[in-house]
Amino acid sequence: MERRDQASELRNLKRKIAGGIKTYTIASGKGGVGKTSLSVNLASVLGKMGVRTIVLDGDLGLANIDVMFGLYPKYHLGHVVNGEKKLSDILISVQENVYMLPGGTGLQEMADLNMARQLKLIDEFSLLEDYGDVLLIDTGAGLYRSIIVFALASDSLLLVTSPDPTAIRDCYSLLKVVSEKSATPLEVYLVINMVKSDKEALEIASRLQLTARDFLGINIDVAGYILKDSRVEEAIKVGMPFVNLDPHCEASRCVAWIAENVFKPDGGGKVKMAPSGRGIKAFCMRLLKQIQLR
């Protein structure tokens, strides 16, 4: 791994005073809404903004973050949990300020370890604080328990839907389940993907915001939307983020806008102070607690 420079050391010190790495679970109630595409492209944009970003492939059933980055890693989180590899062995540098952490299996195995091994593993996970300001967790689709667990353990939930009525319904269903199980107030962002127009996106966002507020007592922040764009499919075929393939296409501009809405860069397009969360150790402890409540 590359050595940290003085600017990185200073940023780490500031964040240790304020908190730790901030975790975002990116989830959707339905498959095919572009959740993984958003995770990959948002990470790439954040990296360019100076936010050191780690993407964890949390889709335990069908991990495919690596494919969208054009990578084929040999090892994954399961090898770390089993003691075969160290976390630094599987953490992959994708581009400047962007790392990928292959998920694979290992979540349940982590819960089955004895306490001493769990604590040792959590200490190893704290290494991520040296490489990232933000952890994006790309989950699978649906209402599977692993998705709920990640959502409850994270600092923030970023919901993704499309204009498809079933996708909107399932997005709300996911939010409902998470809100019912959460012991603390939720920080929730919403992204509407593959929309035909600004008007369509705003109508969907408004409907979900009102429903969540009236029936769940939750305020949803609209992070933005992504317009339908042929460059998205082209990028998937060549195995690279569309924000890198064509930074000026409609979809790329939309993702940049989403990053700006959530992470508030300065006038030069850089984030001076990365968002502060509860840190990796706290995230791991909450994750283990949720897994063990089976």
Protein backbone atom coordinates (compact mmCIF):
# COMPACT_ATOMS: atom_id res chain seq x y z
CA MET A 1 0.00 0.00 0.00
CA GLU A 2 1.17 3.54 -0.68
CA ARG A 3 2.71 5.51 2.19
CA ARG A 4 0.62 8.20 3.77
CA ASP A 5 1.79 11.77 3.24
CA GLN A 6 1.69 14.64 5.76
CA ALA A 7 -1.69 15.86 4.52
CA SER A 8 -3.14 12.40 5.10
CA GLU A 9 -1.64 12.28 8.61
CA LEU A 10 -3.15 15.66 9.46
CA ARG A 11 -6.55 14.64 8.14
CA ASN A 12 -6.44 11.46 10.23
CA LEU A 13 -5.59 13.47 13.34
CA LYS A 14 -8.50 15.85 12.75
CA ARG A 15 -10.91 12.98 12.25
CA LYS A 16 -9.67 11.14 15.35
CA ILE A 17 -10.51 14.22 17.36
CA ALA A 18 -13.97 14.56 15.77
CA GLY A 19 -14.79 10.87 15.33
CA GLY A 20 -13.82 8.25 12.75
CA ILE A 21 -14.49 6.90 9.32
CA LYS A 22 -18.13 7.34 8.27
CA THR A 23 -20.03 4.31 6.99
CA TYR A 24 -22.77 4.43 4.36
CA THR A 25 -24.90 1.42 3.44
CA ILE A 26 -26.14 1.70 -0.16
CA ALA A 27 -29.27 -0.40 -0.54
CA SER A 28 -32.42 -0.89 -2.57
CA GLY A 29 -35.50 -2.99 -2.12
CA LYS A 30 -35.39 -4.29 -5.69
CA GLY A 31 -32.66 -5.49 -8.01
CA GLY A 32 -31.81 -3.81 -11.28
CA VAL A 33 -32.07 -0.21 -10.06
CA GLY A 34 -28.35 0.57 -10.53
CA LYS A 35 -27.28 0.44 -6.89
CA THR A 36 -23.86 -1.11 -7.56
CA SER A 37 -23.25 1.29 -10.44
CA LEU A 38 -23.94 4.19 -8.08
CA SER A 39 -21.55 2.76 -5.46
CA VAL A 40 -18.69 2.45 -7.96
CA ASN A 41 -19.19 5.82 -9.62
CA LEU A 42 -19.82 7.71 -6.39
CA ALA A 43 -16.57 6.28 -5.01
CA SER A 44 -14.69 7.44 -8.11
CA VAL A 45 -16.10 10.96 -7.87
CA LEU A 46 -15.38 11.18 -4.14
CA GLY A 47 -11.81 10.11 -4.77
CA LYS A 48 -11.38 12.97 -7.23
CA MET A 49 -12.85 15.34 -4.62
CA GLY A 50 -10.13 14.31 -2.19
CA VAL A 51 -12.31 12.04 -0.04
CA ARG A 52 -10.48 8.78 0.58
CA THR A 53 -13.13 6.17 -0.12
CA ILE A 54 -13.29 2.43 0.49
CA VAL A 55 -15.98 0.37 -1.24
CA LEU A 56 -16.98 -2.86 0.49
CA ASP A 57 -18.77 -5.38 -1.69
CA GLY A 58 -21.47 -6.41 0.76
CA ASP A 59 -23.57 -8.32 -1.76
CA LEU A 60 -22.93 -11.71 -0.17
CA GLY A 61 -24.91 -13.57 -2.79
CA LEU A 62 -23.63 -12.03 -6.02
CA ALA A 63 -20.60 -9.81 -5.50
CA ASN A 64 -19.92 -7.71 -8.62
CA ILE A 65 -18.25 -4.47 -7.56
CA ASP A 66 -14.99 -5.93 -8.82
CA VAL A 67 -16.39 -6.46 -12.33
CA MET A 68 -17.52 -2.83 -12.59
CA PHE A 69 -14.03 -1.73 -11.58
CA GLY A 70 -12.56 -4.14 -14.14
CA LEU A 71 -10.86 -6.20 -11.42
CA TYR A 72 -10.84 -9.89 -10.56
CA PRO A 73 -9.48 -10.25 -7.01
CA LYS A 74 -8.27 -13.65 -5.83
CA TYR A 75 -9.01 -13.09 -2.16
CA HIS A 76 -11.91 -11.62 -0.20
CA LEU A 77 -13.11 -10.86 3.31
CA GLY A 78 -13.76 -14.51 4.02
CA HIS A 79 -10.02 -15.22 3.79
CA VAL A 80 -9.39 -12.53 6.46
CA VAL A 81 -12.07 -13.90 8.79
CA ASN A 82 -10.63 -17.41 8.42
CA GLY A 83 -7.15 -16.12 9.25
CA GLU A 84 -5.67 -16.99 5.85
CA LYS A 85 -4.97 -13.37 4.87
CA LYS A 86 -4.53 -9.99 6.52
CA LEU A 87 -6.87 -7.12 5.63
CA SER A 88 -4.01 -5.28 3.92
CA ASP A 89 -3.57 -8.31 1.62
CA ILE A 90 -7.06 -8.00 0.14
CA LEU A 91 -7.49 -4.21 0.07
CA ILE A 92 -7.10 -3.12 -3.56
CA SER A 93 -6.15 0.38 -4.75
CA VAL A 94 -8.49 1.20 -7.64
CA GLN A 95 -7.49 4.80 -8.32
CA GLU A 96 -6.12 7.68 -6.28
CA ASN A 97 -8.06 7.87 -2.98
CA VAL A 98 -10.26 4.86 -3.88
CA TYR A 99 -9.93 1.32 -2.53
CA MET A 100 -12.02 -1.81 -2.96
CA LEU A 101 -12.58 -4.38 -0.22
CA PRO A 102 -13.87 -7.62 -1.79
CA GLY A 103 -16.69 -8.98 0.36
CA GLY A 104 -17.44 -12.54 -0.59
CA THR A 105 -18.43 -14.71 2.36
CA GLY A 106 -17.33 -14.37 5.95
CA LEU A 107 -20.02 -12.31 7.65
CA GLN A 108 -21.66 -15.17 9.52
CA GLU A 109 -18.30 -16.84 10.13
CA MET A 110 -17.17 -13.67 11.90
CA ALA A 111 -20.12 -13.93 14.29
CA ASP A 112 -19.26 -17.55 15.09
CA LEU A 113 -15.69 -16.76 16.21
CA ASN A 114 -14.85 -16.66 19.90
CA MET A 115 -14.66 -13.27 21.60
CA ALA A 116 -10.86 -13.08 21.60
CA ARG A 117 -10.70 -13.74 17.84
CA GLN A 118 -13.50 -11.25 17.18
CA LEU A 119 -11.66 -8.51 19.08
CA LYS A 120 -8.43 -9.29 17.25
CA LEU A 121 -10.26 -9.11 13.93
CA ILE A 122 -11.88 -5.78 14.86
CA ASP A 123 -8.43 -4.41 15.69
CA GLU A 124 -7.28 -5.47 12.24
CA PHE A 125 -10.30 -3.79 10.65
CA SER A 126 -9.30 -0.55 12.34
CA LEU A 127 -6.52 -0.43 9.73
CA LEU A 128 -9.16 0.96 7.37
CA GLU A 129 -9.04 4.24 9.31
CA ASP A 130 -5.57 4.76 7.78
CA TYR A 131 -6.85 4.41 4.23
CA GLY A 132 -10.34 5.87 4.15
CA ASP A 133 -12.49 8.76 5.26
CA VAL A 134 -15.65 7.04 4.00
CA LEU A 135 -16.74 3.41 3.73
CA LEU A 136 -19.42 2.70 1.11
CA ILE A 137 -21.10 -0.68 1.57
CA ASP A 138 -22.76 -1.95 -1.58
CA THR A 139 -25.41 -4.47 -0.51
CA GLY A 140 -27.59 -6.93 -2.38
CA ALA A 141 -31.16 -6.26 -3.45
CA GLY A 142 -34.24 -7.16 -1.45
CA LEU A 143 -35.05 -7.46 2.24
CA TYR A 144 -32.47 -10.08 3.13
CA ARG A 145 -31.22 -10.12 6.69
CA SER A 146 -27.62 -9.29 5.72
CA ILE A 147 -28.82 -6.04 4.13
CA ILE A 148 -30.78 -5.03 7.23
CA VAL A 149 -27.74 -5.83 9.39
CA PHE A 150 -25.46 -3.53 7.35
CA ALA A 151 -28.07 -0.76 7.35
CA LEU A 152 -28.47 -0.88 11.13
CA ALA A 153 -24.72 -0.94 11.75
CA SER A 154 -23.89 2.00 9.44
CA ASP A 155 -23.86 5.70 10.19
CA SER A 156 -26.04 6.46 7.18
CA LEU A 157 -28.40 4.71 4.77
CA LEU A 158 -28.42 5.67 1.08
CA LEU A 159 -31.51 4.28 -0.63
CA VAL A 160 -31.62 3.78 -4.39
CA THR A 161 -34.73 3.32 -6.48
CA SER A 162 -35.85 3.66 -10.09
CA PRO A 163 -39.16 4.96 -11.49
CA ASP A 164 -40.49 1.39 -11.60
CA PRO A 165 -43.52 1.27 -9.23
CA THR A 166 -42.35 -2.04 -7.72
CA ALA A 167 -38.89 -0.57 -7.09
CA ILE A 168 -40.43 2.43 -5.29
CA ARG A 169 -42.64 0.14 -3.22
CA ASP A 170 -39.76 -2.15 -2.29
CA CYS A 171 -37.54 0.82 -1.46
CA TYR A 172 -40.14 2.03 1.04
CA SER A 173 -40.56 -1.51 2.43
CA LEU A 174 -36.81 -1.70 3.11
CA LEU A 175 -36.86 1.66 4.87
CA LYS A 176 -39.85 0.53 6.96
CA VAL A 177 -38.11 -2.65 8.13
CA VAL A 178 -34.88 -0.82 9.01
CA SER A 179 -36.75 1.94 10.86
CA GLU A 180 -38.71 -0.58 12.92
CA LYS A 181 -35.51 -2.34 14.02
CA SER A 182 -33.36 0.75 14.58
CA ALA A 183 -32.90 1.93 18.17
CA THR A 184 -31.57 5.32 17.06
CA PRO A 185 -32.76 7.98 14.55
CA LEU A 186 -31.79 7.19 10.97
CA GLU A 187 -29.81 9.41 8.61
CA VAL A 188 -31.35 8.57 5.24
CA TYR A 189 -30.49 9.76 1.74
CA LEU A 190 -32.40 8.96 -1.45
CA VAL A 191 -31.20 8.63 -5.04
CA ILE A 192 -33.60 8.04 -7.93
CA ASN A 193 -31.82 6.34 -10.82
CA MET A 194 -32.62 6.01 -14.53
CA VAL A 195 -35.15 8.83 -14.66
CA LYS A 196 -36.28 10.47 -17.90
CA SER A 197 -36.49 14.01 -16.53
CA ASP A 198 -36.01 16.28 -13.53
CA LYS A 199 -39.76 16.40 -13.09
CA GLU A 200 -40.11 12.61 -12.86
CA ALA A 201 -37.34 12.43 -10.26
CA LEU A 202 -38.80 15.20 -8.12
CA GLU A 203 -42.27 13.65 -8.17
CA ILE A 204 -40.94 10.27 -6.99
CA ALA A 205 -38.76 11.87 -4.33
CA SER A 206 -41.61 13.99 -3.01
CA ARG A 207 -43.92 10.97 -2.80
CA LEU A 208 -41.40 8.90 -0.85
CA GLN A 209 -40.52 11.80 1.45
CA LEU A 210 -44.15 12.43 2.37
CA THR A 211 -44.91 8.75 2.93
CA ALA A 212 -41.83 8.23 5.10
CA ARG A 213 -42.56 11.33 7.16
CA ASP A 214 -46.27 10.62 7.66
CA PHE A 215 -46.10 6.88 8.35
CA LEU A 216 -42.57 6.30 9.70
CA GLY A 217 -41.69 9.68 11.18
CA ILE A 218 -38.49 9.75 9.11
CA ASN A 219 -37.06 12.69 7.17
CA ILE A 220 -35.43 11.61 3.91
CA ASP A 221 -32.77 13.85 2.38
CA VAL A 222 -32.85 13.72 -1.41
CA ALA A 223 -29.24 13.32 -2.50
CA GLY A 224 -30.18 13.61 -6.17
CA TYR A 225 -31.09 11.61 -9.24
CA ILE A 226 -29.39 10.09 -12.29
CA LEU A 227 -30.78 10.60 -15.77
CA LYS A 228 -30.96 7.70 -18.22
CA ASP A 229 -27.76 7.64 -20.23
CA SER A 230 -26.44 5.15 -22.82
CA ARG A 231 -22.89 5.72 -21.56
CA VAL A 232 -23.75 3.78 -18.37
CA GLU A 233 -24.14 0.49 -20.24
CA GLU A 234 -21.06 1.19 -22.34
CA ALA A 235 -18.98 1.65 -19.20
CA ILE A 236 -20.24 -1.61 -17.67
CA LYS A 237 -19.23 -3.50 -20.82
CA VAL A 238 -15.64 -2.21 -20.68
CA GLY A 239 -15.35 -2.62 -16.90
CA MET A 240 -14.86 0.95 -15.73
CA PRO A 241 -16.93 3.64 -13.95
CA PHE A 242 -18.85 5.80 -16.40
CA VAL A 243 -17.62 8.91 -14.58
CA ASN A 244 -14.13 7.95 -15.79
CA LEU A 245 -15.22 6.81 -19.25
CA ASP A 246 -17.06 10.06 -19.95
CA PRO A 247 -16.90 12.63 -17.10
CA HIS A 248 -19.15 15.03 -19.03
CA CYS A 249 -22.08 12.75 -19.88
CA GLU A 250 -25.48 13.32 -18.24
CA ALA A 251 -25.09 10.45 -15.75
CA SER A 252 -21.62 11.60 -14.68
CA ARG A 253 -22.84 15.13 -14.01
CA CYS A 254 -25.69 13.71 -11.93
CA VAL A 255 -23.34 11.62 -9.77
CA ALA A 256 -21.07 14.63 -9.26
CA TRP A 257 -24.13 16.58 -8.09
CA ILE A 258 -25.06 13.78 -5.67
CA ALA A 259 -21.53 13.82 -4.24
CA GLU A 260 -21.71 17.57 -3.80
CA ASN A 261 -25.09 17.38 -2.07
CA VAL A 262 -23.92 14.78 0.43
CA PHE A 263 -20.29 15.77 1.00
CA LYS A 264 -20.35 19.57 0.48
CA PRO A 265 -17.03 20.35 -1.28
CA ASP A 266 -15.56 23.85 -1.31
CA GLY A 267 -15.47 26.15 -4.32
CA GLY A 268 -12.52 24.26 -5.79
CA GLY A 269 -14.40 20.97 -5.88
CA LYS A 270 -12.42 19.48 -2.96
CA VAL A 271 -13.69 18.40 0.44
CA LYS A 272 -11.59 20.16 3.10
CA MET A 273 -12.90 18.11 6.01
CA ALA A 274 -14.16 14.59 5.42
CA PRO A 275 -17.44 13.62 7.10
CA SER A 276 -17.01 12.23 10.58
CA GLY A 277 -18.67 9.00 11.67
CA ARG A 278 -18.46 6.67 14.63
CA GLY A 279 -15.48 4.81 13.22
CA ILE A 280 -14.69 1.30 12.03
CA LYS A 281 -14.43 -0.31 15.47
CA ALA A 282 -17.87 0.95 16.45
CA PHE A 283 -19.26 -0.20 13.10
CA CYS A 284 -17.83 -3.70 13.57
CA MET A 285 -19.22 -3.95 17.11
CA ARG A 286 -22.68 -2.93 15.93
CA LEU A 287 -22.43 -5.33 12.99
CA LEU A 288 -21.52 -8.26 15.23
CA LYS A 289 -24.31 -7.42 17.63
CA GLN A 290 -26.88 -7.43 14.83
CA ILE A 291 -25.56 -10.69 13.36
CA GLN A 292 -25.70 -12.42 16.75
CA LEU A 293 -29.35 -11.45 17.21
CA ARG A 294 -30.34 -14.34 15.02
